[in-house]
Structure formats: C-alpha cells, structure tokens
Amino acid sequence: KLAKKVGTMQDVLVDDIDADGIATCRTKADAP
C-alpha cells in the first residue's frame, strides 16, 4: 500500500526535527 504512494502529494504535520535536520512527520493516514 505504501509503495503505491510514491509519487503522490501528501499533506503532512511536522512532529519533530532532529539535530541533523531530519523532520519526522505524519500524513493524514498516520496517528501519533
């Protein structure tokens, strides 16, 4: 199912940004 999302546009909510600048986010399909 996730493979089918490659190439799609997703609205995401940013939950965290670590010291290396990597942002952990969630799509509308993901509860925390």
PDB file of all heavy atoms in Angstrom:
ATOM      1  N   LYS A   1       0.823  -1.209   0.000  1.00  0.00           N
ATOM      2  CA  LYS A   1       0.000   0.000   0.000  1.00  0.00           C
ATOM      3  C   LYS A   1       0.862   1.267   0.000  1.00  0.00           C
ATOM      4  O   LYS A   1       0.561   2.242  -0.704  1.00  0.00           O
ATOM      5  CB  LYS A   1      -0.933  -0.007   1.216  1.00  0.00           C
ATOM      6  CG  LYS A   1      -2.172  -0.877   1.027  1.00  0.00           C
ATOM      7  CD  LYS A   1      -3.065  -0.803   2.238  1.00  0.00           C
ATOM      8  CE  LYS A   1      -4.463  -1.288   1.894  1.00  0.00           C
ATOM      9  NZ  LYS A   1      -5.231  -0.317   1.102  1.00  0.00           N
ATOM     10  N   LEU A   2       1.919   1.258   0.792  1.00  0.00           N
ATOM     11  CA  LEU A   2       2.775   2.434   0.846  1.00  0.00           C
ATOM     12  C   LEU A   2       3.532   2.640  -0.462  1.00  0.00           C
ATOM     13  O   LEU A   2       3.794   3.786  -0.866  1.00  0.00           O
ATOM     14  CB  LEU A   2       3.750   2.331   2.011  1.00  0.00           C
ATOM     15  CG  LEU A   2       3.139   2.409   3.412  1.00  0.00           C
ATOM     16  CD1 LEU A   2       4.220   2.367   4.471  1.00  0.00           C
ATOM     17  CD2 LEU A   2       2.298   3.666   3.585  1.00  0.00           C
ATOM     18  N   ALA A   3       3.889   1.549  -1.135  1.00  0.00           N
ATOM     19  CA  ALA A   3       4.598   1.671  -2.410  1.00  0.00           C
ATOM     20  C   ALA A   3       3.750   2.442  -3.428  1.00  0.00           C
ATOM     21  O   ALA A   3       4.291   3.174  -4.276  1.00  0.00           O
ATOM     22  CB  ALA A   3       4.958   0.289  -2.942  1.00  0.00           C
ATOM     23  N   LYS A   4       2.435   2.296  -3.348  1.00  0.00           N
ATOM     24  CA  LYS A   4       1.549   2.993  -4.275  1.00  0.00           C
ATOM     25  C   LYS A   4       1.506   4.501  -4.022  1.00  0.00           C
ATOM     26  O   LYS A   4       0.997   5.258  -4.856  1.00  0.00           O
ATOM     27  CB  LYS A   4       0.143   2.416  -4.185  1.00  0.00           C
ATOM     28  CG  LYS A   4       0.035   0.979  -4.682  1.00  0.00           C
ATOM     29  CD  LYS A   4      -1.387   0.442  -4.540  1.00  0.00           C
ATOM     30  CE  LYS A   4      -1.486  -1.000  -5.007  1.00  0.00           C
ATOM     31  NZ  LYS A   4      -2.864  -1.544  -4.846  1.00  0.00           N
ATOM     32  N   LYS A   5       2.008   4.931  -2.866  1.00  0.00           N
ATOM     33  CA  LYS A   5       2.003   6.361  -2.551  1.00  0.00           C
ATOM     34  C   LYS A   5       3.219   7.098  -3.099  1.00  0.00           C
ATOM     35  O   LYS A   5       3.270   8.329  -3.050  1.00  0.00           O
ATOM     36  CB  LYS A   5       1.904   6.560  -1.034  1.00  0.00           C
ATOM     37  CG  LYS A   5       0.574   6.091  -0.461  1.00  0.00           C
ATOM     38  CD  LYS A   5       0.403   6.479   0.999  1.00  0.00           C
ATOM     39  CE  LYS A   5      -0.969   6.064   1.513  1.00  0.00           C
ATOM     40  NZ  LYS A   5      -1.202   6.493   2.911  1.00  0.00           N
ATOM     41  N   VAL A   6       4.215   6.359  -3.585  1.00  0.00           N
ATOM     42  CA  VAL A   6       5.393   7.007  -4.169  1.00  0.00           C
ATOM     43  C   VAL A   6       4.945   7.825  -5.377  1.00  0.00           C
ATOM     44  O   VAL A   6       4.218   7.343  -6.243  1.00  0.00           O
ATOM     45  CB  VAL A   6       6.454   5.969  -4.577  1.00  0.00           C
ATOM     46  CG1 VAL A   6       7.602   6.642  -5.316  1.00  0.00           C
ATOM     47  CG2 VAL A   6       6.976   5.243  -3.343  1.00  0.00           C
ATOM     48  N   GLY A   7       5.365   9.084  -5.413  1.00  0.00           N
ATOM     49  CA  GLY A   7       4.976   9.991  -6.478  1.00  0.00           C
ATOM     50  C   GLY A   7       3.745  10.818  -6.177  1.00  0.00           C
ATOM     51  O   GLY A   7       3.422  11.747  -6.924  1.00  0.00           O
ATOM     52  N   THR A   8       3.062  10.517  -5.082  1.00  0.00           N
ATOM     53  CA  THR A   8       1.871  11.289  -4.725  1.00  0.00           C
ATOM     54  C   THR A   8       2.243  12.485  -3.855  1.00  0.00           C
ATOM     55  O   THR A   8       3.312  12.533  -3.256  1.00  0.00           O
ATOM     56  CB  THR A   8       0.853  10.427  -3.959  1.00  0.00           C
ATOM     57  OG1 THR A   8       1.410  10.019  -2.694  1.00  0.00           O
ATOM     58  CG2 THR A   8       0.487   9.193  -4.769  1.00  0.00           C
ATOM     59  N   MET A   9       1.331  13.442  -3.788  1.00  0.00           N
ATOM     60  CA  MET A   9       1.492  14.600  -2.924  1.00  0.00           C
ATOM     61  C   MET A   9       0.708  14.347  -1.643  1.00  0.00           C
ATOM     62  O   MET A   9      -0.449  13.933  -1.690  1.00  0.00           O
ATOM     63  CB  MET A   9       0.990  15.864  -3.612  1.00  0.00           C
ATOM     64  CG  MET A   9       1.544  16.065  -5.021  1.00  0.00           C
ATOM     65  SD  MET A   9       3.345  16.242  -5.046  1.00  0.00           S
ATOM     66  CE  MET A   9       3.508  17.884  -4.365  1.00  0.00           C
ATOM     67  N   GLN A  10       1.348  14.604  -0.495  1.00  0.00           N
ATOM     68  CA  GLN A  10       0.725  14.352   0.797  1.00  0.00           C
ATOM     69  C   GLN A  10       0.853  15.581   1.689  1.00  0.00           C
ATOM     70  O   GLN A  10       1.922  16.189   1.773  1.00  0.00           O
ATOM     71  CB  GLN A  10       1.395  13.157   1.499  1.00  0.00           C
ATOM     72  CG  GLN A  10       1.332  11.856   0.735  1.00  0.00           C
ATOM     73  CD  GLN A  10      -0.052  11.239   0.754  1.00  0.00           C
ATOM     74  OE1 GLN A  10      -0.813  11.427   1.706  1.00  0.00           O
ATOM     75  NE2 GLN A  10      -0.382  10.491  -0.283  1.00  0.00           N
ATOM     76  N   ASP A  11      -0.247  15.948   2.349  1.00  0.00           N
ATOM     77  CA  ASP A  11      -0.180  16.961   3.403  1.00  0.00           C
ATOM     78  C   ASP A  11       0.315  16.277   4.671  1.00  0.00           C
ATOM     79  O   ASP A  11      -0.205  15.221   5.054  1.00  0.00           O
ATOM     80  CB  ASP A  11      -1.557  17.568   3.658  1.00  0.00           C
ATOM     81  CG  ASP A  11      -2.068  18.354   2.466  1.00  0.00           C
ATOM     82  OD1 ASP A  11      -1.246  18.939   1.747  1.00  0.00           O
ATOM     83  OD2 ASP A  11      -3.299  18.370   2.251  1.00  0.00           O
ATOM     84  N   VAL A  12       1.326  16.863   5.309  1.00  0.00           N
ATOM     85  CA  VAL A  12       1.908  16.236   6.498  1.00  0.00           C
ATOM     86  C   VAL A  12       2.016  17.254   7.635  1.00  0.00           C
ATOM     87  O   VAL A  12       2.122  18.457   7.411  1.00  0.00           O
ATOM     88  CB  VAL A  12       3.301  15.622   6.216  1.00  0.00           C
ATOM     89  CG1 VAL A  12       3.226  14.607   5.091  1.00  0.00           C
ATOM     90  CG2 VAL A  12       4.333  16.693   5.910  1.00  0.00           C
ATOM     91  N   LEU A  13       1.988  16.734   8.857  1.00  0.00           N
ATOM     92  CA  LEU A  13       2.158  17.522  10.070  1.00  0.00           C
ATOM     93  C   LEU A  13       3.524  17.197  10.654  1.00  0.00           C
ATOM     94  O   LEU A  13       3.854  16.022  10.857  1.00  0.00           O
ATOM     95  CB  LEU A  13       1.052  17.162  11.057  1.00  0.00           C
ATOM     96  CG  LEU A  13       0.890  17.988  12.335  1.00  0.00           C
ATOM     97  CD1 LEU A  13       0.644  19.448  12.011  1.00  0.00           C
ATOM     98  CD2 LEU A  13      -0.278  17.423  13.153  1.00  0.00           C
ATOM     99  N   VAL A  14       4.329  18.214  10.908  1.00  0.00           N
ATOM    100  CA  VAL A  14       5.694  18.013  11.395  1.00  0.00           C
ATOM    101  C   VAL A  14       5.661  17.770  12.901  1.00  0.00           C
ATOM    102  O   VAL A  14       5.221  18.622  13.674  1.00  0.00           O
ATOM    103  CB  VAL A  14       6.588  19.235  11.078  1.00  0.00           C
ATOM    104  CG1 VAL A  14       8.011  18.998  11.595  1.00  0.00           C
ATOM    105  CG2 VAL A  14       6.608  19.508   9.580  1.00  0.00           C
ATOM    106  N   ASP A  15       6.145  16.597  13.322  1.00  0.00           N
ATOM    107  CA  ASP A  15       6.153  16.227  14.739  1.00  0.00           C
ATOM    108  C   ASP A  15       7.488  16.515  15.411  1.00  0.00           C
ATOM    109  O   ASP A  15       7.540  16.767  16.617  1.00  0.00           O
ATOM    110  CB  ASP A  15       5.849  14.736  14.908  1.00  0.00           C
ATOM    111  CG  ASP A  15       4.361  14.431  14.871  1.00  0.00           C
ATOM    112  OD1 ASP A  15       3.558  15.366  15.014  1.00  0.00           O
ATOM    113  OD2 ASP A  15       4.003  13.252  14.698  1.00  0.00           O
ATOM    114  N   ASP A  16       8.587  16.460  14.656  1.00  0.00           N
ATOM    115  CA  ASP A  16       9.903  16.602  15.282  1.00  0.00           C
ATOM    116  C   ASP A  16      10.928  16.941  14.208  1.00  0.00           C
ATOM    117  O   ASP A  16      10.780  16.543  13.044  1.00  0.00           O
ATOM    118  CB  ASP A  16      10.295  15.299  15.992  1.00  0.00           C
ATOM    119  CG  ASP A  16      11.614  15.423  16.743  1.00  0.00           C
ATOM    120  OD1 ASP A  16      11.695  16.275  17.642  1.00  0.00           O
ATOM    121  OD2 ASP A  16      12.563  14.687  16.401  1.00  0.00           O
ATOM    122  N   ILE A  17      11.946  17.678  14.604  1.00  0.00           N
ATOM    123  CA  ILE A  17      13.098  17.938  13.729  1.00  0.00           C
ATOM    124  C   ILE A  17      14.345  17.685  14.560  1.00  0.00           C
ATOM    125  O   ILE A  17      14.560  18.343  15.586  1.00  0.00           O
ATOM    126  CB  ILE A  17      13.102  19.378  13.188  1.00  0.00           C
ATOM    127  CG1 ILE A  17      11.800  19.670  12.419  1.00  0.00           C
ATOM    128  CG2 ILE A  17      14.315  19.605  12.274  1.00  0.00           C
ATOM    129  CD1 ILE A  17      11.649  21.112  11.979  1.00  0.00           C
ATOM    130  N   ASP A  18      15.163  16.714  14.158  1.00  0.00           N
ATOM    131  CA  ASP A  18      16.303  16.341  14.985  1.00  0.00           C
ATOM    132  C   ASP A  18      17.517  17.219  14.699  1.00  0.00           C
ATOM    133  O   ASP A  18      17.476  18.134  13.854  1.00  0.00           O
ATOM    134  CB  ASP A  18      16.632  14.849  14.834  1.00  0.00           C
ATOM    135  CG  ASP A  18      17.176  14.481  13.461  1.00  0.00           C
ATOM    136  OD1 ASP A  18      17.595  15.382  12.699  1.00  0.00           O
ATOM    137  OD2 ASP A  18      17.197  13.271  13.152  1.00  0.00           O
ATOM    138  N   ALA A  19      18.606  16.956  15.404  1.00  0.00           N
ATOM    139  CA  ALA A  19      19.805  17.789  15.306  1.00  0.00           C
ATOM    140  C   ALA A  19      20.411  17.763  13.911  1.00  0.00           C
ATOM    141  O   ALA A  19      21.130  18.695  13.518  1.00  0.00           O
ATOM    142  CB  ALA A  19      20.839  17.324  16.332  1.00  0.00           C
ATOM    143  N   ASP A  20      20.142  16.720  13.151  1.00  0.00           N
ATOM    144  CA  ASP A  20      20.660  16.616  11.785  1.00  0.00           C
ATOM    145  C   ASP A  20      19.720  17.229  10.757  1.00  0.00           C
ATOM    146  O   ASP A  20      19.976  17.154   9.555  1.00  0.00           O
ATOM    147  CB  ASP A  20      20.907  15.143  11.423  1.00  0.00           C
ATOM    148  CG  ASP A  20      21.989  14.507  12.289  1.00  0.00           C
ATOM    149  OD1 ASP A  20      22.972  15.209  12.600  1.00  0.00           O
ATOM    150  OD2 ASP A  20      21.833  13.335  12.660  1.00  0.00           O
ATOM    151  N   GLY A  21      18.636  17.826  11.221  1.00  0.00           N
ATOM    152  CA  GLY A  21      17.704  18.463  10.306  1.00  0.00           C
ATOM    153  C   GLY A  21      16.705  17.518   9.674  1.00  0.00           C
ATOM    154  O   GLY A  21      15.977  17.915   8.756  1.00  0.00           O
ATOM    155  N   ILE A  22      16.638  16.273  10.140  1.00  0.00           N
ATOM    156  CA  ILE A  22      15.661  15.328   9.597  1.00  0.00           C
ATOM    157  C   ILE A  22      14.319  15.544  10.286  1.00  0.00           C
ATOM    158  O   ILE A  22      14.223  15.493  11.514  1.00  0.00           O
ATOM    159  CB  ILE A  22      16.135  13.877   9.777  1.00  0.00           C
ATOM    160  CG1 ILE A  22      17.437  13.644   8.999  1.00  0.00           C
ATOM    161  CG2 ILE A  22      15.064  12.892   9.314  1.00  0.00           C
ATOM    162  CD1 ILE A  22      18.045  12.285   9.212  1.00  0.00           C
ATOM    163  N   ALA A  23      13.294  15.796   9.489  1.00  0.00           N
ATOM    164  CA  ALA A  23      11.961  16.066  10.012  1.00  0.00           C
ATOM    165  C   ALA A  23      11.139  14.783  10.036  1.00  0.00           C
ATOM    166  O   ALA A  23      11.055  14.074   9.035  1.00  0.00           O
ATOM    167  CB  ALA A  23      11.255  17.120   9.167  1.00  0.00           C
ATOM    168  N   THR A  24      10.574  14.486  11.199  1.00  0.00           N
ATOM    169  CA  THR A  24       9.649  13.366  11.341  1.00  0.00           C
ATOM    170  C   THR A  24       8.237  13.923  11.259  1.00  0.00           C
ATOM    171  O   THR A  24       7.854  14.775  12.062  1.00  0.00           O
ATOM    172  CB  THR A  24       9.847  12.651  12.686  1.00  0.00           C
ATOM    173  OG1 THR A  24      11.181  12.159  12.765  1.00  0.00           O
ATOM    174  CG2 THR A  24       8.883  11.474  12.821  1.00  0.00           C
ATOM    175  N   CYS A  25       7.476  13.430  10.296  1.00  0.00           N
ATOM    176  CA  CYS A  25       6.153  13.971  10.024  1.00  0.00           C
ATOM    177  C   CYS A  25       5.123  12.839   9.984  1.00  0.00           C
ATOM    178  O   CYS A  25       5.470  11.666   9.982  1.00  0.00           O
ATOM    179  CB  CYS A  25       6.138  14.696   8.667  1.00  0.00           C
ATOM    180  SG  CYS A  25       7.525  15.815   8.379  1.00  0.00           S
ATOM    181  N   ARG A  26       3.869  13.233   9.923  1.00  0.00           N
ATOM    182  CA  ARG A  26       2.779  12.276   9.758  1.00  0.00           C
ATOM    183  C   ARG A  26       1.832  12.754   8.675  1.00  0.00           C
ATOM    184  O   ARG A  26       1.510  13.941   8.598  1.00  0.00           O
ATOM    185  CB  ARG A  26       1.998  12.091  11.060  1.00  0.00           C
ATOM    186  CG  ARG A  26       2.731  11.327  12.131  1.00  0.00           C
ATOM    187  CD  ARG A  26       1.896  11.156  13.384  1.00  0.00           C
ATOM    188  NE  ARG A  26       1.641  12.429  14.056  1.00  0.00           N
ATOM    189  CZ  ARG A  26       0.473  13.038  14.089  1.00  0.00           C
ATOM    190  NH1 ARG A  26      -0.583  12.511  13.480  1.00  0.00           N
ATOM    191  NH2 ARG A  26       0.334  14.184  14.734  1.00  0.00           N
ATOM    192  N   THR A  27       1.375  11.823   7.846  1.00  0.00           N
ATOM    193  CA  THR A  27       0.339  12.126   6.877  1.00  0.00           C
ATOM    194  C   THR A  27      -1.022  12.010   7.561  1.00  0.00           C
ATOM    195  O   THR A  27      -1.122  11.631   8.727  1.00  0.00           O
ATOM    196  CB  THR A  27       0.385  11.158   5.681  1.00  0.00           C
ATOM    197  OG1 THR A  27      -0.077   9.860   6.106  1.00  0.00           O
ATOM    198  CG2 THR A  27       1.804  11.017   5.136  1.00  0.00           C
ATOM    199  N   LYS A  28      -2.070  12.298   6.816  1.00  0.00           N
ATOM    200  CA  LYS A  28      -3.421  12.144   7.363  1.00  0.00           C
ATOM    201  C   LYS A  28      -3.721  10.687   7.715  1.00  0.00           C
ATOM    202  O   LYS A  28      -4.644  10.417   8.483  1.00  0.00           O
ATOM    203  CB  LYS A  28      -4.450  12.660   6.357  1.00  0.00           C
ATOM    204  CG  LYS A  28      -4.374  14.164   6.123  1.00  0.00           C
ATOM    205  CD  LYS A  28      -5.389  14.620   5.089  1.00  0.00           C
ATOM    206  CE  LYS A  28      -5.304  16.135   4.890  1.00  0.00           C
ATOM    207  NZ  LYS A  28      -6.275  16.622   3.867  1.00  0.00           N
ATOM    208  N   ALA A  29      -2.931   9.766   7.173  1.00  0.00           N
ATOM    209  CA  ALA A  29      -3.144   8.334   7.418  1.00  0.00           C
ATOM    210  C   ALA A  29      -2.423   7.827   8.657  1.00  0.00           C
ATOM    211  O   ALA A  29      -2.488   6.626   8.939  1.00  0.00           O
ATOM    212  CB  ALA A  29      -2.679   7.537   6.194  1.00  0.00           C
ATOM    213  N   ASP A  30      -1.764   8.711   9.400  1.00  0.00           N
ATOM    214  CA  ASP A  30      -0.900   8.264  10.498  1.00  0.00           C
ATOM    215  C   ASP A  30      -1.258   8.951  11.811  1.00  0.00           C
ATOM    216  O   ASP A  30      -1.094  10.166  11.950  1.00  0.00           O
ATOM    217  CB  ASP A  30       0.566   8.564  10.175  1.00  0.00           C
ATOM    218  CG  ASP A  30       1.004   7.929   8.874  1.00  0.00           C
ATOM    219  OD1 ASP A  30       0.847   6.704   8.745  1.00  0.00           O
ATOM    220  OD2 ASP A  30       1.489   8.650   7.977  1.00  0.00           O
ATOM    221  N   ALA A  31      -1.689   8.157  12.794  1.00  0.00           N
ATOM    222  CA  ALA A  31      -1.884   8.671  14.149  1.00  0.00           C
ATOM    223  C   ALA A  31      -0.555   8.664  14.884  1.00  0.00           C
ATOM    224  O   ALA A  31       0.321   7.836  14.591  1.00  0.00           O
ATOM    225  CB  ALA A  31      -2.895   7.806  14.897  1.00  0.00           C
ATOM    226  N   PRO A  32      -0.358   9.585  15.843  1.00  0.00           N
ATOM    227  CA  PRO A  32       0.928   9.646  16.543  1.00  0.00           C
ATOM    228  C   PRO A  32       1.227   8.383  17.327  1.00  0.00           C
ATOM    229  O   PRO A  32       0.337   7.780  17.934  1.00  0.00           O
ATOM    230  CB  PRO A  32       0.777  10.865  17.474  1.00  0.00           C
ATOM    231  CG  PRO A  32      -0.685  11.134  17.556  1.00  0.00           C
ATOM    232  CD  PRO A  32      -1.278  10.643  16.285  1.00  0.00           C
TER     233      PRO A  32
END
